[in-house]
Amino acid sequence: MWEDSSYFWLVLCKNHWFHIRHNLFFRHKILLAETDAFTSRPPVNRPFKVRCDECKKEYLYKPSEVLRVEHEPPESFAPHPLFRDAGTSAHPDVADRPPDDTRH
């Protein structure tokens, strides 16, 4: 039987001591962006920061630490800026700043 599966790019939180209290056998997944089973990872060529939605700690991740997994879609989800804007060259640390031409 055919089912529609949802896939996400993610990293595993590095704050092991916080998350081990909740689940001894599985690491906490931080979703970065929705994808499908075939699309290549966006061209991420440098380490980037990700803040955990649960423990609120921010860590630096290498592109090789990004994984694709089948995952149930969360009720609310905001993609990581680096993955949301894969076609732009905006740096994730400055992606939330307004463009220069909007300042008065």
PDB file of N, CA and C in Angstrom:
ATOM      1  N   MET A   1       0.844  -1.188   0.000  1.00  0.00           N
ATOM      2  CA  MET A   1       0.000   0.000   0.000  1.00  0.00           C
ATOM      3  C   MET A   1       0.885   1.246   0.000  1.00  0.00           C
ATOM      4  N   TRP A   2       0.564   2.211  -0.823  1.00  0.00           N
ATOM      5  CA  TRP A   2       1.338   3.438  -0.962  1.00  0.00           C
ATOM      6  C   TRP A   2       0.928   4.442   0.114  1.00  0.00           C
ATOM      7  N   GLU A   3       1.926   5.029   0.759  1.00  0.00           N
ATOM      8  CA  GLU A   3       1.670   6.071   1.750  1.00  0.00           C
ATOM      9  C   GLU A   3       2.517   7.284   1.421  1.00  0.00           C
ATOM     10  N   ASP A   4       1.983   8.472   1.680  1.00  0.00           N
ATOM     11  CA  ASP A   4       2.771   9.689   1.525  1.00  0.00           C
ATOM     12  C   ASP A   4       3.653   9.833   2.748  1.00  0.00           C
ATOM     13  N   SER A   5       4.944   9.802   2.537  1.00  0.00           N
ATOM     14  CA  SER A   5       5.885   9.965   3.635  1.00  0.00           C
ATOM     15  C   SER A   5       6.434  11.373   3.618  1.00  0.00           C
ATOM     16  N   SER A   6       6.714  11.881   4.795  1.00  0.00           N
ATOM     17  CA  SER A   6       7.343  13.199   4.918  1.00  0.00           C
ATOM     18  C   SER A   6       8.795  12.994   5.303  1.00  0.00           C
ATOM     19  N   TYR A   7       9.667  13.752   4.654  1.00  0.00           N
ATOM     20  CA  TYR A   7      11.092  13.681   4.937  1.00  0.00           C
ATOM     21  C   TYR A   7      11.576  15.050   5.367  1.00  0.00           C
ATOM     22  N   PHE A   8      12.585  15.049   6.225  1.00  0.00           N
ATOM     23  CA  PHE A   8      13.155  16.292   6.730  1.00  0.00           C
ATOM     24  C   PHE A   8      14.675  16.189   6.781  1.00  0.00           C
ATOM     25  N   TRP A   9      15.327  17.348   6.564  1.00  0.00           N
ATOM     26  CA  TRP A   9      16.745  17.480   6.865  1.00  0.00           C
ATOM     27  C   TRP A   9      16.814  17.787   8.352  1.00  0.00           C
ATOM     28  N   LEU A  10      17.786  17.205   9.043  1.00  0.00           N
ATOM     29  CA  LEU A  10      17.910  17.455  10.475  1.00  0.00           C
ATOM     30  C   LEU A  10      19.335  17.279  10.935  1.00  0.00           C
ATOM     31  N   VAL A  11      19.581  17.733  12.155  1.00  0.00           N
ATOM     32  CA  VAL A  11      20.820  17.457  12.876  1.00  0.00           C
ATOM     33  C   VAL A  11      20.412  16.900  14.241  1.00  0.00           C
ATOM     34  N   LEU A  12      21.339  16.226  14.875  1.00  0.00           N
ATOM     35  CA  LEU A  12      21.091  15.673  16.201  1.00  0.00           C
ATOM     36  C   LEU A  12      21.692  16.615  17.236  1.00  0.00           C
ATOM     37  N   CYS A  13      20.906  16.975  18.234  1.00  0.00           N
ATOM     38  CA  CYS A  13      21.365  17.925  19.242  1.00  0.00           C
ATOM     39  C   CYS A  13      22.597  17.382  19.959  1.00  0.00           C
ATOM     40  N   LYS A  14      23.546  18.260  20.186  1.00  0.00           N
ATOM     41  CA  LYS A  14      24.801  17.888  20.847  1.00  0.00           C
ATOM     42  C   LYS A  14      24.734  17.993  22.364  1.00  0.00           C
ATOM     43  N   ASN A  15      23.622  18.451  22.897  1.00  0.00           N
ATOM     44  CA  ASN A  15      23.466  18.588  24.342  1.00  0.00           C
ATOM     45  C   ASN A  15      22.947  17.255  24.909  1.00  0.00           C
ATOM     46  N   HIS A  16      23.825  16.253  24.924  1.00  0.00           N
ATOM     47  CA  HIS A  16      23.434  14.899  25.322  1.00  0.00           C
ATOM     48  C   HIS A  16      22.909  14.836  26.750  1.00  0.00           C
ATOM     49  N   TRP A  17      23.535  15.560  27.653  1.00  0.00           N
ATOM     50  CA  TRP A  17      23.160  15.466  29.078  1.00  0.00           C
ATOM     51  C   TRP A  17      21.733  15.945  29.333  1.00  0.00           C
ATOM     52  N   PHE A  18      21.302  16.935  28.622  1.00  0.00           N
ATOM     53  CA  PHE A  18      19.931  17.413  28.785  1.00  0.00           C
ATOM     54  C   PHE A  18      18.927  16.390  28.237  1.00  0.00           C
ATOM     55  N   HIS A  19      19.175  15.878  27.057  1.00  0.00           N
ATOM     56  CA  HIS A  19      18.210  15.024  26.367  1.00  0.00           C
ATOM     57  C   HIS A  19      18.201  13.582  26.868  1.00  0.00           C
ATOM     58  N   ILE A  20      19.264  13.137  27.495  1.00  0.00           N
ATOM     59  CA  ILE A  20      19.319  11.756  27.971  1.00  0.00           C
ATOM     60  C   ILE A  20      18.263  11.497  29.046  1.00  0.00           C
ATOM     61  N   ARG A  21      17.853  12.538  29.761  1.00  0.00           N
ATOM     62  CA  ARG A  21      16.807  12.390  30.785  1.00  0.00           C
ATOM     63  C   ARG A  21      15.477  11.991  30.163  1.00  0.00           C
ATOM     64  N   HIS A  22      15.236  12.431  28.925  1.00  0.00           N
ATOM     65  CA  HIS A  22      13.965  12.170  28.261  1.00  0.00           C
ATOM     66  C   HIS A  22      13.957  10.842  27.511  1.00  0.00           C
ATOM     67  N   ASN A  23      15.101  10.484  26.943  1.00  0.00           N
ATOM     68  CA  ASN A  23      15.153   9.255  26.174  1.00  0.00           C
ATOM     69  C   ASN A  23      16.591   8.753  26.127  1.00  0.00           C
ATOM     70  N   LEU A  24      16.834   7.662  26.785  1.00  0.00           N
ATOM     71  CA  LEU A  24      18.179   7.115  26.906  1.00  0.00           C
ATOM     72  C   LEU A  24      18.713   6.569  25.588  1.00  0.00           C
ATOM     73  N   PHE A  25      17.841   6.084  24.707  1.00  0.00           N
ATOM     74  CA  PHE A  25      18.279   5.364  23.518  1.00  0.00           C
ATOM     75  C   PHE A  25      18.293   6.180  22.228  1.00  0.00           C
ATOM     76  N   PHE A  26      17.609   7.298  22.191  1.00  0.00           N
ATOM     77  CA  PHE A  26      17.537   8.086  20.964  1.00  0.00           C
ATOM     78  C   PHE A  26      17.971   9.516  21.235  1.00  0.00           C
ATOM     79  N   ARG A  27      18.660  10.087  20.266  1.00  0.00           N
ATOM     80  CA  ARG A  27      19.097  11.477  20.384  1.00  0.00           C
ATOM     81  C   ARG A  27      17.998  12.405  19.868  1.00  0.00           C
ATOM     82  N   HIS A  28      17.985  13.635  20.394  1.00  0.00           N
ATOM     83  CA  HIS A  28      16.958  14.603  20.003  1.00  0.00           C
ATOM     84  C   HIS A  28      17.243  15.127  18.600  1.00  0.00           C
ATOM     85  N   LYS A  29      16.211  15.118  17.760  1.00  0.00           N
ATOM     86  CA  LYS A  29      16.314  15.568  16.370  1.00  0.00           C
ATOM     87  C   LYS A  29      15.869  17.023  16.268  1.00  0.00           C
ATOM     88  N   ILE A  30      16.683  17.827  15.595  1.00  0.00           N
ATOM     89  CA  ILE A  30      16.340  19.226  15.327  1.00  0.00           C
ATOM     90  C   ILE A  30      16.048  19.323  13.836  1.00  0.00           C
ATOM     91  N   LEU A  31      14.795  19.550  13.496  1.00  0.00           N
ATOM     92  CA  LEU A  31      14.400  19.639  12.091  1.00  0.00           C
ATOM     93  C   LEU A  31      14.895  20.941  11.475  1.00  0.00           C
ATOM     94  N   LEU A  32      15.440  20.842  10.261  1.00  0.00           N
ATOM     95  CA  LEU A  32      15.962  22.017   9.562  1.00  0.00           C
ATOM     96  C   LEU A  32      15.067  22.445   8.404  1.00  0.00           C
ATOM     97  N   ALA A  33      14.569  21.469   7.636  1.00  0.00           N
ATOM     98  CA  ALA A  33      13.728  21.791   6.476  1.00  0.00           C
ATOM     99  C   ALA A  33      13.050  20.529   5.979  1.00  0.00           C
ATOM    100  N   GLU A  34      11.893  20.724   5.348  1.00  0.00           N
ATOM    101  CA  GLU A  34      11.201  19.587   4.749  1.00  0.00           C
ATOM    102  C   GLU A  34      11.836  19.284   3.394  1.00  0.00           C
ATOM    103  N   THR A  35      11.865  18.015   3.029  1.00  0.00           N
ATOM    104  CA  THR A  35      12.440  17.599   1.759  1.00  0.00           C
ATOM    105  C   THR A  35      11.649  16.408   1.239  1.00  0.00           C
ATOM    106  N   ASP A  36      12.204  15.697   0.285  1.00  0.00           N
ATOM    107  CA  ASP A  36      11.591  14.459  -0.176  1.00  0.00           C
ATOM    108  C   ASP A  36      12.654  13.363  -0.137  1.00  0.00           C
ATOM    109  N   ALA A  37      12.333  12.210  -0.644  1.00  0.00           N
ATOM    110  CA  ALA A  37      13.253  11.076  -0.538  1.00  0.00           C
ATOM    111  C   ALA A  37      14.421  11.143  -1.520  1.00  0.00           C
ATOM    112  N   PHE A  38      14.378  12.062  -2.483  1.00  0.00           N
ATOM    113  CA  PHE A  38      15.369  12.048  -3.552  1.00  0.00           C
ATOM    114  C   PHE A  38      16.207  13.318  -3.696  1.00  0.00           C
ATOM    115  N   THR A  39      15.708  14.441  -3.268  1.00  0.00           N
ATOM    116  CA  THR A  39      16.394  15.718  -3.464  1.00  0.00           C
ATOM    117  C   THR A  39      17.721  15.750  -2.717  1.00  0.00           C
ATOM    118  N   SER A  40      18.735  16.310  -3.379  1.00  0.00           N
ATOM    119  CA  SER A  40      20.043  16.472  -2.737  1.00  0.00           C
ATOM    120  C   SER A  40      19.970  17.545  -1.677  1.00  0.00           C
ATOM    121  N   ARG A  41      20.858  17.433  -0.703  1.00  0.00           N
ATOM    122  CA  ARG A  41      20.932  18.442   0.352  1.00  0.00           C
ATOM    123  C   ARG A  41      21.284  19.791  -0.267  1.00  0.00           C
ATOM    124  N   PRO A  42      20.704  20.871   0.248  1.00  0.00           N
ATOM    125  CA  PRO A  42      21.092  22.197  -0.247  1.00  0.00           C
ATOM    126  C   PRO A  42      22.604  22.387  -0.115  1.00  0.00           C
ATOM    127  N   PRO A  43      23.182  23.194  -0.987  1.00  0.00           N
ATOM    128  CA  PRO A  43      24.642  23.343  -0.998  1.00  0.00           C
ATOM    129  C   PRO A  43      25.162  24.105   0.225  1.00  0.00           C
ATOM    130  N   VAL A  44      25.290  23.415   1.311  1.00  0.00           N
ATOM    131  CA  VAL A  44      25.829  23.985   2.542  1.00  0.00           C
ATOM    132  C   VAL A  44      27.306  23.614   2.573  1.00  0.00           C
ATOM    133  N   ASN A  45      28.182  24.619   2.510  1.00  0.00           N
ATOM    134  CA  ASN A  45      29.614  24.359   2.376  1.00  0.00           C
ATOM    135  C   ASN A  45      30.434  24.771   3.589  1.00  0.00           C
ATOM    136  N   ARG A  46      29.759  25.234   4.638  1.00  0.00           N
ATOM    137  CA  ARG A  46      30.491  25.700   5.811  1.00  0.00           C
ATOM    138  C   ARG A  46      29.703  25.318   7.067  1.00  0.00           C
ATOM    139  N   PRO A  47      30.374  25.278   8.204  1.00  0.00           N
ATOM    140  CA  PRO A  47      29.637  25.014   9.453  1.00  0.00           C
ATOM    141  C   PRO A  47      28.584  26.098   9.692  1.00  0.00           C
ATOM    142  N   PHE A  48      27.504  25.717  10.365  1.00  0.00           N
ATOM    143  CA  PHE A  48      26.409  26.649  10.631  1.00  0.00           C
ATOM    144  C   PHE A  48      25.859  26.391  12.024  1.00  0.00           C
ATOM    145  N   LYS A  49      25.225  27.414  12.603  1.00  0.00           N
ATOM    146  CA  LYS A  49      24.674  27.326  13.949  1.00  0.00           C
ATOM    147  C   LYS A  49      23.211  26.899  13.902  1.00  0.00           C
ATOM    148  N   VAL A  50      22.841  26.064  14.884  1.00  0.00           N
ATOM    149  CA  VAL A  50      21.452  25.647  15.040  1.00  0.00           C
ATOM    150  C   VAL A  50      21.123  25.679  16.525  1.00  0.00           C
ATOM    151  N   ARG A  51      19.981  26.275  16.864  1.00  0.00           N
ATOM    152  CA  ARG A  51      19.503  26.315  18.248  1.00  0.00           C
ATOM    153  C   ARG A  51      18.464  25.212  18.422  1.00  0.00           C
ATOM    154  N   CYS A  52      18.640  24.418  19.479  1.00  0.00           N
ATOM    155  CA  CYS A  52      17.711  23.329  19.768  1.00  0.00           C
ATOM    156  C   CYS A  52      16.378  23.902  20.239  1.00  0.00           C
ATOM    157  N   ASP A  53      15.290  23.366  19.717  1.00  0.00           N
ATOM    158  CA  ASP A  53      13.954  23.817  20.090  1.00  0.00           C
ATOM    159  C   ASP A  53      13.568  23.374  21.499  1.00  0.00           C
ATOM    160  N   GLU A  54      14.258  22.382  22.032  1.00  0.00           N
ATOM    161  CA  GLU A  54      13.901  21.854  23.344  1.00  0.00           C
ATOM    162  C   GLU A  54      14.803  22.387  24.465  1.00  0.00           C
ATOM    163  N   CYS A  55      16.120  22.238  24.333  1.00  0.00           N
ATOM    164  CA  CYS A  55      17.034  22.667  25.405  1.00  0.00           C
ATOM    165  C   CYS A  55      17.489  24.114  25.238  1.00  0.00           C
ATOM    166  N   LYS A  56      17.250  24.714  24.074  1.00  0.00           N
ATOM    167  CA  LYS A  56      17.570  26.112  23.752  1.00  0.00           C
ATOM    168  C   LYS A  56      19.067  26.392  23.622  1.00  0.00           C
ATOM    169  N   LYS A  57      19.901  25.370  23.598  1.00  0.00           N
ATOM    170  CA  LYS A  57      21.341  25.553  23.389  1.00  0.00           C
ATOM    171  C   LYS A  57      21.626  25.652  21.901  1.00  0.00           C
ATOM    172  N   GLU A  58      22.636  26.444  21.558  1.00  0.00           N
ATOM    173  CA  GLU A  58      23.029  26.614  20.165  1.00  0.00           C
ATOM    174  C   GLU A  58      24.398  25.989  19.957  1.00  0.00           C
ATOM    175  N   TYR A  59      24.520  25.194  18.892  1.00  0.00           N
ATOM    176  CA  TYR A  59      25.779  24.530  18.578  1.00  0.00           C
ATOM    177  C   TYR A  59      26.114  24.727  17.113  1.00  0.00           C
ATOM    178  N   LEU A  60      27.392  24.547  16.811  1.00  0.00           N
ATOM    179  CA  LEU A  60      27.884  24.631  15.445  1.00  0.00           C
ATOM    180  C   LEU A  60      27.860  23.227  14.842  1.00  0.00           C
ATOM    181  N   TYR A  61      27.319  23.107  13.632  1.00  0.00           N
ATOM    182  CA  TYR A  61      27.219  21.818  12.942  1.00  0.00           C
ATOM    183  C   TYR A  61      27.949  21.883  11.615  1.00  0.00           C
ATOM    184  N   LYS A  62      28.606  20.775  11.262  1.00  0.00           N
ATOM    185  CA  LYS A  62      29.261  20.643   9.968  1.00  0.00           C
ATOM    186  C   LYS A  62      28.232  20.147   8.945  1.00  0.00           C
ATOM    187  N   PRO A  63      28.414  20.461   7.668  1.00  0.00           N
ATOM    188  CA  PRO A  63      27.493  19.960   6.640  1.00  0.00           C
ATOM    189  C   PRO A  63      27.355  18.434   6.671  1.00  0.00           C
ATOM    190  N   SER A  64      28.409  17.731   7.021  1.00  0.00           N
ATOM    191  CA  SER A  64      28.358  16.265   7.060  1.00  0.00           C
ATOM    192  C   SER A  64      27.463  15.734   8.182  1.00  0.00           C
ATOM    193  N   GLU A  65      27.047  16.588   9.123  1.00  0.00           N
ATOM    194  CA  GLU A  65      26.178  16.164  10.217  1.00  0.00           C
ATOM    195  C   GLU A  65      24.690  16.290   9.877  1.00  0.00           C
ATOM    196  N   VAL A  66      24.385  16.804   8.691  1.00  0.00           N
ATOM    197  CA  VAL A  66      22.991  16.939   8.261  1.00  0.00           C
ATOM    198  C   VAL A  66      22.517  15.587   7.741  1.00  0.00           C
ATOM    199  N   LEU A  67      21.382  15.144   8.268  1.00  0.00           N
ATOM    200  CA  LEU A  67      20.807  13.851   7.897  1.00  0.00           C
ATOM    201  C   LEU A  67      19.429  14.042   7.292  1.00  0.00           C
ATOM    202  N   ARG A  68      19.011  13.078   6.470  1.00  0.00           N
ATOM    203  CA  ARG A  68      17.640  13.058   5.935  1.00  0.00           C
ATOM    204  C   ARG A  68      16.938  11.888   6.610  1.00  0.00           C
ATOM    205  N   VAL A  69      15.760  12.144   7.180  1.00  0.00           N
ATOM    206  CA  VAL A  69      14.998  11.073   7.809  1.00  0.00           C
ATOM    207  C   VAL A  69      13.527  11.206   7.468  1.00  0.00           C
ATOM    208  N   GLU A  70      12.851  10.085   7.515  1.00  0.00           N
ATOM    209  CA  GLU A  70      11.401  10.097   7.400  1.00  0.00           C
ATOM    210  C   GLU A  70      10.868  10.496   8.766  1.00  0.00           C
ATOM    211  N   HIS A  71       9.989  11.490   8.792  1.00  0.00           N
ATOM    212  CA  HIS A  71       9.537  12.047  10.070  1.00  0.00           C
ATOM    213  C   HIS A  71       8.129  12.593   9.918  1.00  0.00           C
ATOM    214  N   GLU A  72       7.332  12.423  10.933  1.00  0.00           N
ATOM    215  CA  GLU A  72       5.990  13.009  10.942  1.00  0.00           C
ATOM    216  C   GLU A  72       6.105  14.527  10.945  1.00  0.00           C
ATOM    217  N   PRO A  73       5.330  15.223  10.134  1.00  0.00           N
ATOM    218  CA  PRO A  73       5.395  16.687  10.136  1.00  0.00           C
ATOM    219  C   PRO A  73       4.890  17.243  11.471  1.00  0.00           C
ATOM    220  N   PRO A  74       5.627  18.185  12.042  1.00  0.00           N
ATOM    221  CA  PRO A  74       5.171  18.809  13.286  1.00  0.00           C
ATOM    222  C   PRO A  74       3.998  19.749  13.012  1.00  0.00           C
ATOM    223  N   GLU A  75       3.272  20.087  14.070  1.00  0.00           N
ATOM    224  CA  GLU A  75       2.129  20.998  13.902  1.00  0.00           C
ATOM    225  C   GLU A  75       2.583  22.376  13.443  1.00  0.00           C
ATOM    226  N   SER A  76       3.667  22.865  14.039  1.00  0.00           N
ATOM    227  CA  SER A  76       4.220  24.146  13.603  1.00  0.00           C
ATOM    228  C   SER A  76       5.713  23.947  13.356  1.00  0.00           C
ATOM    229  N   PHE A  77       6.191  24.528  12.260  1.00  0.00           N
ATOM    230  CA  PHE A  77       7.578  24.318  11.883  1.00  0.00           C
ATOM    231  C   PHE A  77       8.064  25.508  11.081  1.00  0.00           C
ATOM    232  N   ALA A  78       9.227  26.034  11.470  1.00  0.00           N
ATOM    233  CA  ALA A  78       9.880  27.107  10.721  1.00  0.00           C
ATOM    234  C   ALA A  78      11.232  26.586  10.256  1.00  0.00           C
ATOM    235  N   PRO A  79      11.461  26.515   8.954  1.00  0.00           N
ATOM    236  CA  PRO A  79      12.736  26.000   8.452  1.00  0.00           C
ATOM    237  C   PRO A  79      13.912  26.866   8.884  1.00  0.00           C
ATOM    238  N   HIS A  80      15.071  26.238   9.026  1.00  0.00           N
ATOM    239  CA  HIS A  80      16.304  26.960   9.323  1.00  0.00           C
ATOM    240  C   HIS A  80      16.587  27.901   8.149  1.00  0.00           C
ATOM    241  N   PRO A  81      17.035  29.134   8.399  1.00  0.00           N
ATOM    242  CA  PRO A  81      17.257  30.103   7.308  1.00  0.00           C
ATOM    243  C   PRO A  81      18.186  29.593   6.212  1.00  0.00           C
ATOM    244  N   LEU A  82      19.189  28.847   6.558  1.00  0.00           N
ATOM    245  CA  LEU A  82      20.134  28.352   5.560  1.00  0.00           C
ATOM    246  C   LEU A  82      19.468  27.358   4.611  1.00  0.00           C
ATOM    247  N   PHE A  83      18.495  26.620   5.087  1.00  0.00           N
ATOM    248  CA  PHE A  83      17.808  25.626   4.273  1.00  0.00           C
ATOM    249  C   PHE A  83      16.563  26.205   3.606  1.00  0.00           C
ATOM    250  N   ARG A  84      15.942  27.173   4.230  1.00  0.00           N
ATOM    251  CA  ARG A  84      14.769  27.829   3.643  1.00  0.00           C
ATOM    252  C   ARG A  84      15.167  28.620   2.410  1.00  0.00           C
ATOM    253  N   ASP A  85      16.316  29.275   2.470  1.00  0.00           N
ATOM    254  CA  ASP A  85      16.784  30.136   1.387  1.00  0.00           C
ATOM    255  C   ASP A  85      17.956  29.486   0.664  1.00  0.00           C
ATOM    256  N   ALA A  86      17.808  28.232   0.281  1.00  0.00           N
ATOM    257  CA  ALA A  86      18.909  27.484  -0.331  1.00  0.00           C
ATOM    258  C   ALA A  86      19.426  28.138  -1.608  1.00  0.00           C
ATOM    259  N   GLY A  87      18.595  28.901  -2.296  1.00  0.00           N
ATOM    260  CA  GLY A  87      19.017  29.525  -3.544  1.00  0.00           C
ATOM    261  C   GLY A  87      19.713  30.850  -3.364  1.00  0.00           C
ATOM    262  N   THR A  88      19.844  31.346  -2.122  1.00  0.00           N
ATOM    263  CA  THR A  88      20.503  32.621  -1.890  1.00  0.00           C
ATOM    264  C   THR A  88      21.825  32.400  -1.203  1.00  0.00           C
ATOM    265  N   SER A  89      22.624  33.435  -1.130  1.00  0.00           N
ATOM    266  CA  SER A  89      23.936  33.322  -0.492  1.00  0.00           C
ATOM    267  C   SER A  89      23.958  33.974   0.874  1.00  0.00           C
ATOM    268  N   ALA A  90      22.804  34.222   1.469  1.00  0.00           N
ATOM    269  CA  ALA A  90      22.747  34.857   2.786  1.00  0.00           C
ATOM    270  C   ALA A  90      23.369  33.956   3.833  1.00  0.00           C
ATOM    271  N   HIS A  91      24.185  34.535   4.688  1.00  0.00           N
ATOM    272  CA  HIS A  91      24.802  33.793   5.775  1.00  0.00           C
ATOM    273  C   HIS A  91      23.762  33.596   6.865  1.00  0.00           C
ATOM    274  N   PRO A  92      23.660  32.392   7.473  1.00  0.00           N
ATOM    275  CA  PRO A  92      22.608  32.132   8.452  1.00  0.00           C
ATOM    276  C   PRO A  92      22.673  33.020   9.679  1.00  0.00           C
ATOM    277  N   ASP A  93      23.841  33.534  10.026  1.00  0.00           N
ATOM    278  CA  ASP A  93      23.954  34.395  11.195  1.00  0.00           C
ATOM    279  C   ASP A  93      23.384  35.781  10.935  1.00  0.00           C
ATOM    280  N   VAL A  94      23.270  36.168   9.662  1.00  0.00           N
ATOM    281  CA  VAL A  94      22.750  37.488   9.339  1.00  0.00           C
ATOM    282  C   VAL A  94      21.445  37.414   8.561  1.00  0.00           C
ATOM    283  N   ALA A  95      20.897  36.244   8.398  1.00  0.00           N
ATOM    284  CA  ALA A  95      19.692  36.076   7.578  1.00  0.00           C
ATOM    285  C   ALA A  95      18.482  36.798   8.157  1.00  0.00           C
ATOM    286  N   ASP A  96      18.468  37.048   9.465  1.00  0.00           N
ATOM    287  CA  ASP A  96      17.314  37.690  10.081  1.00  0.00           C
ATOM    288  C   ASP A  96      17.412  39.211  10.064  1.00  0.00           C
ATOM    289  N   ARG A  97      18.550  39.757   9.643  1.00  0.00           N
ATOM    290  CA  ARG A  97      18.701  41.209   9.568  1.00  0.00           C
ATOM    291  C   ARG A  97      17.962  41.747   8.348  1.00  0.00           C
ATOM    292  N   PRO A  98      17.406  42.959   8.473  1.00  0.00           N
ATOM    293  CA  PRO A  98      16.760  43.544   7.286  1.00  0.00           C
ATOM    294  C   PRO A  98      17.816  43.958   6.269  1.00  0.00           C
ATOM    295  N   PRO A  99      17.488  43.956   4.986  1.00  0.00           N
ATOM    296  CA  PRO A  99      18.431  44.409   3.962  1.00  0.00           C
ATOM    297  C   PRO A  99      18.818  45.867   4.206  1.00  0.00           C
ATOM    298  N   ASP A 100      19.999  46.258   3.738  1.00  0.00           N
ATOM    299  CA  ASP A 100      20.531  47.608   3.964  1.00  0.00           C
ATOM    300  C   ASP A 100      19.602  48.694   3.428  1.00  0.00           C
ATOM    301  N   ASP A 101      18.916  48.433   2.321  1.00  0.00           N
ATOM    302  CA  ASP A 101      18.094  49.479   1.713  1.00  0.00           C
ATOM    303  C   ASP A 101      16.794  49.760   2.475  1.00  0.00           C
ATOM    304  N   THR A 102      16.499  49.032   3.553  1.00  0.00           N
ATOM    305  CA  THR A 102      15.272  49.283   4.319  1.00  0.00           C
ATOM    306  C   THR A 102      15.527  50.203   5.514  1.00  0.00           C
ATOM    307  N   ARG A 103      16.815  50.536   5.771  1.00  0.00           N
ATOM    308  CA  ARG A 103      17.115  51.446   6.890  1.00  0.00           C
ATOM    309  C   ARG A 103      16.888  52.885   6.467  1.00  0.00           C
ATOM    310  N   HIS A 104      16.415  53.710   7.398  1.00  0.00           N
ATOM    311  CA  HIS A 104      16.148  55.122   7.072  1.00  0.00           C
ATOM    312  C   HIS A 104      17.169  56.007   7.683  1.00  0.00           C
TER     313      HIS A 104
END
